[in-house]
PDB file of N, CA and C in Angstrom:
ATOM      1  N   MET A   1       0.989  -1.434  -0.072  1.00  0.00           N
ATOM      2  CA  MET A   1      -0.122   0.090   0.027  1.00  0.00           C
ATOM      3  C   MET A   1       0.695   0.936  -0.029  1.00  0.00           C
ATOM      4  N   LYS A   2       0.853   2.632  -1.148  1.00  0.00           N
ATOM      5  CA  LYS A   2       1.491   3.484  -0.825  1.00  0.00           C
ATOM      6  C   LYS A   2       1.108   4.048   0.379  1.00  0.00           C
ATOM      7  N   PRO A   3       2.026   5.210   0.977  1.00  0.00           N
ATOM      8  CA  PRO A   3       1.901   5.646   2.012  1.00  0.00           C
ATOM      9  C   PRO A   3       1.237   6.946   2.031  1.00  0.00           C
ATOM     10  N   ASP A   4      -0.080   7.460   0.587  1.00  0.00           N
ATOM     11  CA  ASP A   4      -1.328   8.167   0.919  1.00  0.00           C
ATOM     12  C   ASP A   4      -2.518   7.072   0.784  1.00  0.00           C
ATOM     13  N   GLU A   5      -2.309   6.204   0.374  1.00  0.00           N
ATOM     14  CA  GLU A   5      -3.532   4.980   0.296  1.00  0.00           C
ATOM     15  C   GLU A   5      -4.208   4.940   1.729  1.00  0.00           C
ATOM     16  N   ARG A   6      -5.165   4.765   1.851  1.00  0.00           N
ATOM     17  CA  ARG A   6      -6.081   4.392   2.976  1.00  0.00           C
ATOM     18  C   ARG A   6      -6.908   3.003   2.777  1.00  0.00           C
ATOM     19  N   LEU A   7      -7.191   2.231   3.774  1.00  0.00           N
ATOM     20  CA  LEU A   7      -7.725   1.042   3.134  1.00  0.00           C
ATOM     21  C   LEU A   7      -9.114   1.317   3.736  1.00  0.00           C
ATOM     22  N   VAL A   8     -10.447   1.858   2.960  1.00  0.00           N
ATOM     23  CA  VAL A   8     -11.513   1.417   3.353  1.00  0.00           C
ATOM     24  C   VAL A   8     -12.338   0.344   3.234  1.00  0.00           C
ATOM     25  N   GLN A   9     -13.182   0.157   4.494  1.00  0.00           N
ATOM     26  CA  GLN A   9     -13.803  -0.976   4.447  1.00  0.00           C
ATOM     27  C   GLN A   9     -15.360  -0.669   4.270  1.00  0.00           C
ATOM     28  N   LEU A  10     -16.237  -1.070   3.136  1.00  0.00           N
ATOM     29  CA  LEU A  10     -17.200  -0.640   2.526  1.00  0.00           C
ATOM     30  C   LEU A  10     -18.022  -1.949   2.441  1.00  0.00           C
ATOM     31  N   THR A  11     -19.178  -2.076   2.766  1.00  0.00           N
ATOM     32  CA  THR A  11     -20.618  -3.037   2.429  1.00  0.00           C
ATOM     33  C   THR A  11     -21.209  -2.391   0.982  1.00  0.00           C
ATOM     34  N   GLN A  12     -21.377  -3.722   0.526  1.00  0.00           N
ATOM     35  CA  GLN A  12     -21.632  -3.696  -0.805  1.00  0.00           C
ATOM     36  C   GLN A  12     -22.689  -2.411  -1.546  1.00  0.00           C
ATOM     37  N   ARG A  13     -23.780  -2.170  -0.677  1.00  0.00           N
ATOM     38  CA  ARG A  13     -24.645  -1.479  -1.101  1.00  0.00           C
ATOM     39  C   ARG A  13     -23.298   0.453  -0.760  1.00  0.00           C
ATOM     40  N   GLU A  14     -22.846   0.499   0.104  1.00  0.00           N
ATOM     41  CA  GLU A  14     -21.406   1.430   0.150  1.00  0.00           C
ATOM     42  C   GLU A  14     -21.186   1.707  -1.567  1.00  0.00           C
ATOM     43  N   VAL A  15     -20.336   0.418  -1.893  1.00  0.00           N
ATOM     44  CA  VAL A  15     -19.626   0.305  -3.412  1.00  0.00           C
ATOM     45  C   VAL A  15     -20.725   0.870  -4.070  1.00  0.00           C
ATOM     46  N   GLU A  16     -21.673   0.414  -4.270  1.00  0.00           N
ATOM     47  CA  GLU A  16     -23.113   0.934  -5.493  1.00  0.00           C
ATOM     48  C   GLU A  16     -23.008   1.986  -5.094  1.00  0.00           C
ATOM     49  N   LEU A  17     -23.312   2.944  -3.991  1.00  0.00           N
ATOM     50  CA  LEU A  17     -23.351   3.981  -4.278  1.00  0.00           C
ATOM     51  C   LEU A  17     -22.397   5.138  -4.666  1.00  0.00           C
ATOM     52  N   LEU A  18     -21.068   4.605  -3.924  1.00  0.00           N
ATOM     53  CA  LEU A  18     -19.794   5.493  -4.749  1.00  0.00           C
ATOM     54  C   LEU A  18     -19.773   5.532  -5.766  1.00  0.00           C
ATOM     55  N   LEU A  19     -19.799   4.301  -6.725  1.00  0.00           N
ATOM     56  CA  LEU A  19     -19.924   4.054  -8.095  1.00  0.00           C
ATOM     57  C   LEU A  19     -20.963   4.904  -8.787  1.00  0.00           C
ATOM     58  N   ARG A  20     -21.820   5.247  -7.979  1.00  0.00           N
ATOM     59  CA  ARG A  20     -23.493   6.149  -8.877  1.00  0.00           C
ATOM     60  C   ARG A  20     -22.931   7.012  -8.816  1.00  0.00           C
ATOM     61  N   TYR A  21     -23.002   7.661  -7.264  1.00  0.00           N
ATOM     62  CA  TYR A  21     -22.766   9.008  -6.804  1.00  0.00           C
ATOM     63  C   TYR A  21     -21.545   9.936  -6.531  1.00  0.00           C
ATOM     64  N   ALA A  22     -20.552   9.263  -6.416  1.00  0.00           N
ATOM     65  CA  ALA A  22     -19.444   9.968  -6.035  1.00  0.00           C
ATOM     66  C   ALA A  22     -18.511   9.953  -7.950  1.00  0.00           C
ATOM     67  N   TYR A  23     -18.836   9.401  -9.194  1.00  0.00           N
ATOM     68  CA  TYR A  23     -18.333   9.795  -9.924  1.00  0.00           C
ATOM     69  C   TYR A  23     -17.265   9.411 -10.179  1.00  0.00           C
ATOM     70  N   PRO A  24     -16.621   8.607  -9.711  1.00  0.00           N
ATOM     71  CA  PRO A  24     -15.125   7.882  -9.793  1.00  0.00           C
ATOM     72  C   PRO A  24     -14.808   8.101 -10.825  1.00  0.00           C
ATOM     73  N   PHE A  25     -13.194   8.211 -11.570  1.00  0.00           N
ATOM     74  CA  PHE A  25     -12.819   7.947 -12.486  1.00  0.00           C
ATOM     75  C   PHE A  25     -12.442   6.819 -13.014  1.00  0.00           C
ATOM     76  N   GLU A  26     -12.579   6.288 -13.986  1.00  0.00           N
ATOM     77  CA  GLU A  26     -12.518   4.646 -14.325  1.00  0.00           C
ATOM     78  C   GLU A  26     -11.736   3.922 -13.528  1.00  0.00           C
ATOM     79  N   ALA A  27      -9.958   4.731 -13.281  1.00  0.00           N
ATOM     80  CA  ALA A  27      -9.304   3.314 -12.627  1.00  0.00           C
ATOM     81  C   ALA A  27      -9.947   3.579 -11.158  1.00  0.00           C
ATOM     82  N   GLU A  28     -10.246   4.387 -10.616  1.00  0.00           N
ATOM     83  CA  GLU A  28     -10.584   4.225  -9.262  1.00  0.00           C
ATOM     84  C   GLU A  28     -12.206   3.513  -9.399  1.00  0.00           C
ATOM     85  N   ALA A  29     -13.307   3.749 -10.462  1.00  0.00           N
ATOM     86  CA  ALA A  29     -14.439   2.738 -10.127  1.00  0.00           C
ATOM     87  C   ALA A  29     -13.849   1.112 -10.300  1.00  0.00           C
ATOM     88  N   ALA A  30     -12.808   0.826 -11.230  1.00  0.00           N
ATOM     89  CA  ALA A  30     -12.019  -0.477 -11.562  1.00  0.00           C
ATOM     90  C   ALA A  30     -12.076  -1.070 -10.055  1.00  0.00           C
ATOM     91  N   LYS A  31     -11.063   0.081  -9.231  1.00  0.00           N
ATOM     92  CA  LYS A  31     -10.597  -1.075  -7.843  1.00  0.00           C
ATOM     93  C   LYS A  31     -11.973  -1.093  -6.978  1.00  0.00           C
ATOM     94  N   LEU A  32     -12.686  -0.250  -7.383  1.00  0.00           N
ATOM     95  CA  LEU A  32     -14.004  -0.529  -6.614  1.00  0.00           C
ATOM     96  C   LEU A  32     -15.061  -1.727  -6.761  1.00  0.00           C
ATOM     97  N   ARG A  33     -14.716  -1.607  -8.443  1.00  0.00           N
ATOM     98  CA  ARG A  33     -15.890  -3.289  -9.287  1.00  0.00           C
ATOM     99  C   ARG A  33     -15.170  -4.414  -9.134  1.00  0.00           C
ATOM    100  N   ALA A  34     -13.296  -4.429  -8.641  1.00  0.00           N
ATOM    101  CA  ALA A  34     -12.928  -5.598  -8.200  1.00  0.00           C
ATOM    102  C   ALA A  34     -13.078  -6.421  -7.205  1.00  0.00           C
ATOM    103  N   CYS A  35     -13.461  -5.141  -6.049  1.00  0.00           N
ATOM    104  CA  CYS A  35     -13.144  -5.498  -4.510  1.00  0.00           C
ATOM    105  C   CYS A  35     -13.657  -6.688  -4.360  1.00  0.00           C
ATOM    106  N   LYS A  36     -13.061  -7.755  -3.750  1.00  0.00           N
ATOM    107  CA  LYS A  36     -13.765  -8.826  -3.363  1.00  0.00           C
ATOM    108  C   LYS A  36     -14.861  -9.110  -2.222  1.00  0.00           C
ATOM    109  N   PRO A  37     -15.694  -9.349  -1.384  1.00  0.00           N
ATOM    110  CA  PRO A  37     -16.407  -9.181   0.251  1.00  0.00           C
ATOM    111  C   PRO A  37     -15.477 -10.116   0.578  1.00  0.00           C
ATOM    112  N   ARG A  38     -15.108  -9.696   2.262  1.00  0.00           N
ATOM    113  CA  ARG A  38     -14.375 -10.706   2.823  1.00  0.00           C
ATOM    114  C   ARG A  38     -15.037 -10.722   4.143  1.00  0.00           C
ATOM    115  N   LYS A  39     -15.810 -11.477   4.777  1.00  0.00           N
ATOM    116  CA  LYS A  39     -16.589 -11.545   5.447  1.00  0.00           C
ATOM    117  C   LYS A  39     -17.890 -10.543   5.854  1.00  0.00           C
ATOM    118  N   GLY A  40     -18.565 -10.057   4.465  1.00  0.00           N
ATOM    119  CA  GLY A  40     -19.172  -9.267   4.447  1.00  0.00           C
ATOM    120  C   GLY A  40     -18.848  -7.897   4.039  1.00  0.00           C
ATOM    121  N   TRP A  41     -17.554  -7.617   4.241  1.00  0.00           N
ATOM    122  CA  TRP A  41     -16.897  -6.150   4.072  1.00  0.00           C
ATOM    123  C   TRP A  41     -16.303  -6.350   2.670  1.00  0.00           C
ATOM    124  N   TYR A  42     -16.155  -4.992   1.820  1.00  0.00           N
ATOM    125  CA  TYR A  42     -15.553  -4.902   1.008  1.00  0.00           C
ATOM    126  C   TYR A  42     -13.714  -4.290   1.180  1.00  0.00           C
ATOM    127  N   GLU A  43     -12.813  -3.982   0.713  1.00  0.00           N
ATOM    128  CA  GLU A  43     -11.968  -3.581   1.236  1.00  0.00           C
ATOM    129  C   GLU A  43     -11.018  -2.993   0.099  1.00  0.00           C
ATOM    130  N   VAL A  44     -10.962  -1.405   0.060  1.00  0.00           N
ATOM    131  CA  VAL A  44     -10.704  -0.824  -1.120  1.00  0.00           C
ATOM    132  C   VAL A  44      -9.660   0.275  -1.082  1.00  0.00           C
ATOM    133  N   GLN A  45      -8.456   0.274  -1.542  1.00  0.00           N
ATOM    134  CA  GLN A  45      -6.864   1.086  -1.203  1.00  0.00           C
ATOM    135  C   GLN A  45      -7.216   2.050  -2.022  1.00  0.00           C
ATOM    136  N   ILE A  46      -7.575   3.246  -1.654  1.00  0.00           N
ATOM    137  CA  ILE A  46      -7.507   4.507  -2.124  1.00  0.00           C
ATOM    138  C   ILE A  46      -6.984   5.755  -1.597  1.00  0.00           C
ATOM    139  N   GLY A  47      -5.952   6.173  -2.294  1.00  0.00           N
ATOM    140  CA  GLY A  47      -5.134   7.726  -2.149  1.00  0.00           C
ATOM    141  C   GLY A  47      -6.070   8.495  -1.149  1.00  0.00           C
ATOM    142  N   ALA A  48      -5.202   9.661  -0.857  1.00  0.00           N
ATOM    143  CA  ALA A  48      -6.778  10.741  -0.093  1.00  0.00           C
ATOM    144  C   ALA A  48      -6.866  11.633  -0.859  1.00  0.00           C
ATOM    145  N   TYR A  49      -6.027  12.120  -2.046  1.00  0.00           N
ATOM    146  CA  TYR A  49      -6.629  12.760  -3.129  1.00  0.00           C
ATOM    147  C   TYR A  49      -7.853  12.425  -3.776  1.00  0.00           C
ATOM    148  N   TRP A  50      -7.845  11.026  -4.308  1.00  0.00           N
ATOM    149  CA  TRP A  50      -9.302  10.220  -4.050  1.00  0.00           C
ATOM    150  C   TRP A  50     -10.427  10.382  -3.345  1.00  0.00           C
ATOM    151  N   LEU A  51      -9.618  10.242  -2.143  1.00  0.00           N
ATOM    152  CA  LEU A  51     -11.300  10.039  -1.112  1.00  0.00           C
ATOM    153  C   LEU A  51     -11.745  11.565  -0.811  1.00  0.00           C
ATOM    154  N   SER A  52     -10.727  12.309  -0.828  1.00  0.00           N
ATOM    155  CA  SER A  52     -11.558  14.071  -0.809  1.00  0.00           C
ATOM    156  C   SER A  52     -12.405  14.303  -2.030  1.00  0.00           C
ATOM    157  N   HIS A  53     -11.759  13.645  -2.892  1.00  0.00           N
ATOM    158  CA  HIS A  53     -12.403  14.110  -4.484  1.00  0.00           C
ATOM    159  C   HIS A  53     -13.993  13.219  -4.395  1.00  0.00           C
ATOM    160  N   TRP A  54     -14.195  11.891  -4.132  1.00  0.00           N
ATOM    161  CA  TRP A  54     -14.920  11.271  -3.343  1.00  0.00           C
ATOM    162  C   TRP A  54     -16.659  12.092  -2.976  1.00  0.00           C
ATOM    163  N   ILE A  55     -15.989  12.438  -1.394  1.00  0.00           N
ATOM    164  CA  ILE A  55     -16.296  13.165  -0.148  1.00  0.00           C
ATOM    165  C   ILE A  55     -17.529  14.276  -0.432  1.00  0.00           C
ATOM    166  N   GLY A  56     -16.207  15.069  -1.955  1.00  0.00           N
ATOM    167  CA  GLY A  56     -16.863  16.357  -2.118  1.00  0.00           C
ATOM    168  C   GLY A  56     -18.362  15.860  -3.234  1.00  0.00           C
ATOM    169  N   ASP A  57     -17.726  14.801  -4.497  1.00  0.00           N
ATOM    170  CA  ASP A  57     -18.872  14.130  -4.959  1.00  0.00           C
ATOM    171  C   ASP A  57     -20.312  14.002  -4.485  1.00  0.00           C
ATOM    172  N   LEU A  58     -20.184  13.145  -3.412  1.00  0.00           N
ATOM    173  CA  LEU A  58     -21.312  12.654  -2.433  1.00  0.00           C
ATOM    174  C   LEU A  58     -22.013  14.294  -1.857  1.00  0.00           C
ATOM    175  N   SER A  59     -21.001  14.583  -1.694  1.00  0.00           N
ATOM    176  CA  SER A  59     -21.833  16.333  -0.757  1.00  0.00           C
ATOM    177  C   SER A  59     -22.794  16.790  -2.036  1.00  0.00           C
ATOM    178  N   TYR A  60     -22.062  16.876  -3.320  1.00  0.00           N
ATOM    179  CA  TYR A  60     -23.138  17.420  -3.876  1.00  0.00           C
ATOM    180  C   TYR A  60     -24.092  17.230  -4.543  1.00  0.00           C
ATOM    181  N   SER A  61     -23.753  15.834  -4.667  1.00  0.00           N
ATOM    182  CA  SER A  61     -25.127  14.508  -4.588  1.00  0.00           C
ATOM    183  C   SER A  61     -26.197  14.836  -4.077  1.00  0.00           C
ATOM    184  N   ILE A  62     -25.640  14.802  -2.398  1.00  0.00           N
ATOM    185  CA  ILE A  62     -26.612  15.019  -1.500  1.00  0.00           C
ATOM    186  C   ILE A  62     -27.568  16.162  -1.419  1.00  0.00           C
ATOM    187  N   ARG A  63     -26.922  16.997  -2.315  1.00  0.00           N
ATOM    188  CA  ARG A  63     -28.017  18.291  -2.154  1.00  0.00           C
ATOM    189  C   ARG A  63     -29.099  18.321  -3.613  1.00  0.00           C
ATOM    190  N   ASN A  64     -28.682  17.420  -4.178  1.00  0.00           N
ATOM    191  CA  ASN A  64     -29.418  16.998  -5.311  1.00  0.00           C
ATOM    192  C   ASN A  64     -30.469  15.496  -5.495  1.00  0.00           C
ATOM    193  N   VAL A  65     -30.372  14.550  -4.444  1.00  0.00           N
ATOM    194  CA  VAL A  65     -31.386  13.703  -4.340  1.00  0.00           C
ATOM    195  C   VAL A  65     -32.423  14.005  -3.444  1.00  0.00           C
ATOM    196  N   ARG A  66     -33.473  13.437  -3.025  1.00  0.00           N
ATOM    197  CA  ARG A  66     -34.629  14.052  -3.138  1.00  0.00           C
ATOM    198  C   ARG A  66     -35.131  12.693  -1.911  1.00  0.00           C
ATOM    199  N   GLY A  67     -35.107  11.881  -1.837  1.00  0.00           N
ATOM    200  CA  GLY A  67     -35.254  10.455  -0.807  1.00  0.00           C
ATOM    201  C   GLY A  67     -34.334  11.267   0.343  1.00  0.00           C
ATOM    202  N   ALA A  68     -35.678  11.197   1.726  1.00  0.00           N
ATOM    203  CA  ALA A  68     -34.650  11.134   2.412  1.00  0.00           C
ATOM    204  C   ALA A  68     -33.839  10.097   3.280  1.00  0.00           C
ATOM    205  N   GLY A  69     -34.352   8.752   2.568  1.00  0.00           N
ATOM    206  CA  GLY A  69     -33.245   7.650   2.658  1.00  0.00           C
ATOM    207  C   GLY A  69     -31.884   7.878   1.853  1.00  0.00           C
ATOM    208  N   LEU A  70     -32.081   8.053   0.772  1.00  0.00           N
ATOM    209  CA  LEU A  70     -30.836   7.862   0.139  1.00  0.00           C
ATOM    210  C   LEU A  70     -29.996   8.799   0.494  1.00  0.00           C
ATOM    211  N   HIS A  71     -30.800  10.200   0.896  1.00  0.00           N
ATOM    212  CA  HIS A  71     -29.674  11.230   1.388  1.00  0.00           C
ATOM    213  C   HIS A  71     -29.237  10.984   2.796  1.00  0.00           C
ATOM    214  N   GLU A  72     -29.447  10.270   3.693  1.00  0.00           N
ATOM    215  CA  GLU A  72     -28.870  10.010   4.964  1.00  0.00           C
ATOM    216  C   GLU A  72     -28.633   8.651   4.590  1.00  0.00           C
ATOM    217  N   GLU A  73     -28.208   7.664   3.282  1.00  0.00           N
ATOM    218  CA  GLU A  73     -27.227   6.649   2.923  1.00  0.00           C
ATOM    219  C   GLU A  73     -25.569   7.934   2.430  1.00  0.00           C
ATOM    220  N   LEU A  74     -26.194   8.539   2.070  1.00  0.00           N
ATOM    221  CA  LEU A  74     -25.112   9.353   1.188  1.00  0.00           C
ATOM    222  C   LEU A  74     -24.347  10.410   2.485  1.00  0.00           C
ATOM    223  N   ASP A  75     -24.872  10.674   3.463  1.00  0.00           N
ATOM    224  CA  ASP A  75     -24.172  11.346   4.243  1.00  0.00           C
ATOM    225  C   ASP A  75     -23.273  10.185   5.063  1.00  0.00           C
ATOM    226  N   ALA A  76     -23.935   9.169   5.532  1.00  0.00           N
ATOM    227  CA  ALA A  76     -23.198   8.231   6.496  1.00  0.00           C
ATOM    228  C   ALA A  76     -22.030   7.660   5.550  1.00  0.00           C
ATOM    229  N   LEU A  77     -22.094   7.702   4.243  1.00  0.00           N
ATOM    230  CA  LEU A  77     -20.736   7.217   3.490  1.00  0.00           C
ATOM    231  C   LEU A  77     -19.928   8.047   3.356  1.00  0.00           C
ATOM    232  N   CYS A  78     -20.452   9.520   3.628  1.00  0.00           N
ATOM    233  CA  CYS A  78     -19.202  10.530   3.581  1.00  0.00           C
ATOM    234  C   CYS A  78     -18.569  10.517   4.903  1.00  0.00           C
ATOM    235  N   CYS A  79     -19.134   9.759   5.913  1.00  0.00           N
ATOM    236  CA  CYS A  79     -18.683  10.089   7.011  1.00  0.00           C
ATOM    237  C   CYS A  79     -18.035   8.832   7.512  1.00  0.00           C
ATOM    238  N   VAL A  80     -18.084   7.598   6.507  1.00  0.00           N
ATOM    239  CA  VAL A  80     -16.944   6.346   6.626  1.00  0.00           C
ATOM    240  C   VAL A  80     -15.562   7.119   5.887  1.00  0.00           C
ATOM    241  N   LEU A  81     -16.006   7.460   4.388  1.00  0.00           N
ATOM    242  CA  LEU A  81     -14.761   8.062   3.792  1.00  0.00           C
ATOM    243  C   LEU A  81     -13.674   9.203   4.531  1.00  0.00           C
ATOM    244  N   GLU A  82     -14.372  10.096   5.351  1.00  0.00           N
ATOM    245  CA  GLU A  82     -14.237  11.520   6.293  1.00  0.00           C
ATOM    246  C   GLU A  82     -13.161   9.915   7.435  1.00  0.00           C
ATOM    247  N   ASN A  83     -13.435   9.462   7.926  1.00  0.00           N
ATOM    248  CA  ASN A  83     -12.542   8.627   9.353  1.00  0.00           C
ATOM    249  C   ASN A  83     -11.445   7.751   8.412  1.00  0.00           C
ATOM    250  N   ALA A  84     -11.882   7.687   7.390  1.00  0.00           N
ATOM    251  CA  ALA A  84     -10.715   6.905   6.536  1.00  0.00           C
ATOM    252  C   ALA A  84      -9.988   7.501   6.326  1.00  0.00           C
ATOM    253  N   GLY A  85      -9.725   8.645   6.025  1.00  0.00           N
ATOM    254  CA  GLY A  85      -8.839   9.722   5.676  1.00  0.00           C
ATOM    255  C   GLY A  85      -8.134  10.301   6.988  1.00  0.00           C
ATOM    256  N   TRP A  86      -8.870   9.666   8.380  1.00  0.00           N
ATOM    257  CA  TRP A  86      -8.220  10.211   9.550  1.00  0.00           C
ATOM    258  C   TRP A  86      -7.099   9.343   9.915  1.00  0.00           C
ATOM    259  N   ILE A  87      -6.861   8.162   9.539  1.00  0.00           N
ATOM    260  CA  ILE A  87      -6.579   6.710  10.061  1.00  0.00           C
ATOM    261  C   ILE A  87      -5.036   6.383   9.040  1.00  0.00           C
ATOM    262  N   CYS A  88      -4.279   5.749   9.157  1.00  0.00           N
ATOM    263  CA  CYS A  88      -2.720   5.870   8.184  1.00  0.00           C
ATOM    264  C   CYS A  88      -1.999   4.988   8.878  1.00  0.00           C
ATOM    265  N   ARG A  89      -1.072   4.599   8.398  1.00  0.00           N
ATOM    266  CA  ARG A  89      -0.084   3.236   8.887  1.00  0.00           C
ATOM    267  C   ARG A  89       0.947   4.267   8.927  1.00  0.00           C
ATOM    268  N   THR A  90       1.440   3.548   9.821  1.00  0.00           N
ATOM    269  CA  THR A  90       3.339   4.227   9.674  1.00  0.00           C
ATOM    270  C   THR A  90       4.098   3.164   9.389  1.00  0.00           C
ATOM    271  N   ARG A  91       5.730   3.223   9.128  1.00  0.00           N
ATOM    272  CA  ARG A  91       6.097   2.126   8.223  1.00  0.00           C
ATOM    273  C   ARG A  91       6.349   1.441   9.166  1.00  0.00           C
ATOM    274  N   ARG A  92       6.197   1.348  10.713  1.00  0.00           N
ATOM    275  CA  ARG A  92       5.920  -0.129  11.820  1.00  0.00           C
ATOM    276  C   ARG A  92       4.702  -0.352  11.500  1.00  0.00           C
ATOM    277  N   GLY A  93       3.751  -0.345  11.149  1.00  0.00           N
ATOM    278  CA  GLY A  93       2.482  -1.028  10.971  1.00  0.00           C
ATOM    279  C   GLY A  93       1.375  -0.638  11.467  1.00  0.00           C
ATOM    280  N   ARG A  94       2.033   0.356  12.964  1.00  0.00           N
ATOM    281  CA  ARG A  94       0.909   0.952  13.543  1.00  0.00           C
ATOM    282  C   ARG A  94       0.106   1.756  12.905  1.00  0.00           C
ATOM    283  N   ARG A  95      -1.489   1.440  13.788  1.00  0.00           N
ATOM    284  CA  ARG A  95      -2.577   2.351  12.841  1.00  0.00           C
ATOM    285  C   ARG A  95      -2.281   3.964  13.885  1.00  0.00           C
ATOM    286  N   VAL A  96      -2.103   5.319  12.951  1.00  0.00           N
ATOM    287  CA  VAL A  96      -2.775   6.289  14.110  1.00  0.00           C
ATOM    288  C   VAL A  96      -3.614   6.963  13.088  1.00  0.00           C
ATOM    289  N   MET A  97      -3.668   8.105  14.025  1.00  0.00           N
ATOM    290  CA  MET A  97      -4.821   9.262  13.490  1.00  0.00           C
ATOM    291  C   MET A  97      -3.687  10.142  12.698  1.00  0.00           C
ATOM    292  N   ASN A  98      -4.307  10.353  11.184  1.00  0.00           N
ATOM    293  CA  ASN A  98      -3.424  10.765  10.476  1.00  0.00           C
ATOM    294  C   ASN A  98      -2.972  12.355  10.597  1.00  0.00           C
ATOM    295  N   HIS A  99      -3.294  12.946  11.177  1.00  0.00           N
ATOM    296  CA  HIS A  99      -2.788  14.005  11.940  1.00  0.00           C
ATOM    297  C   HIS A  99      -1.703  14.285  12.773  1.00  0.00           C
ATOM    298  N   TYR A 100      -1.152  12.838  13.184  1.00  0.00           N
ATOM    299  CA  TYR A 100      -0.155  12.421  14.150  1.00  0.00           C
ATOM    300  C   TYR A 100       1.123  11.709  12.888  1.00  0.00           C
ATOM    301  N   CYS A 101       1.006  11.500  12.139  1.00  0.00           N
ATOM    302  CA  CYS A 101       1.629  10.942  11.008  1.00  0.00           C
ATOM    303  C   CYS A 101       3.128  11.496  11.089  1.00  0.00           C
ATOM    304  N   HIS A 102       2.529  12.934  10.346  1.00  0.00           N
ATOM    305  CA  HIS A 102       3.856  13.990  10.203  1.00  0.00           C
ATOM    306  C   HIS A 102       4.700  13.942  11.505  1.00  0.00           C
ATOM    307  N   ALA A 103       4.006  14.305  12.217  1.00  0.00           N
ATOM    308  CA  ALA A 103       4.844  14.742  13.960  1.00  0.00           C
ATOM    309  C   ALA A 103       5.805  13.105  13.973  1.00  0.00           C
ATOM    310  N   LEU A 104       5.224  12.493  13.770  1.00  0.00           N
ATOM    311  CA  LEU A 104       6.159  11.036  13.983  1.00  0.00           C
ATOM    312  C   LEU A 104       7.081  10.138  13.092  1.00  0.00           C
ATOM    313  N   GLY A 105       6.788  11.256  12.023  1.00  0.00           N
ATOM    314  CA  GLY A 105       8.216  10.993  11.046  1.00  0.00           C
ATOM    315  C   GLY A 105       8.170   9.785  10.361  1.00  0.00           C
ATOM    316  N   SER A 106       8.690   9.740   9.499  1.00  0.00           N
ATOM    317  CA  SER A 106       8.563   8.374   8.525  1.00  0.00           C
ATOM    318  C   SER A 106       9.890   7.015   9.411  1.00  0.00           C
ATOM    319  N   ASP A 107      10.086   7.452  10.615  1.00  0.00           N
ATOM    320  CA  ASP A 107      10.155   5.816  10.840  1.00  0.00           C
ATOM    321  C   ASP A 107      10.036   5.640  12.304  1.00  0.00           C
ATOM    322  N   ALA A 108       8.437   6.183  12.323  1.00  0.00           N
ATOM    323  CA  ALA A 108       7.108   6.118  13.314  1.00  0.00           C
ATOM    324  C   ALA A 108       7.199   4.402  12.933  1.00  0.00           C
TER     325      ALA A 108
END
């Protein structure tokens, strides 16, 4: 996994919502489609840059959907992606909050 990538665990429904409402570019859409479920979860490695784009695109979609249920699902998916953006791994494999990664340095 590249240093700027995050491992995001998603449900099948969340993957479907991302493909439809986050407007991913083809390379990222292919990553989502290629995910295989493990214990009910789909794990995708995605760069922090694309996470922020997906959050923005989902926010746009939230403003344009009509159903309250779909609105809630997209809002919850934004929270999942935002939380994934705050977690990273150090070189020694420890999971830490993203804002501490730079403070720990590359040897952490």
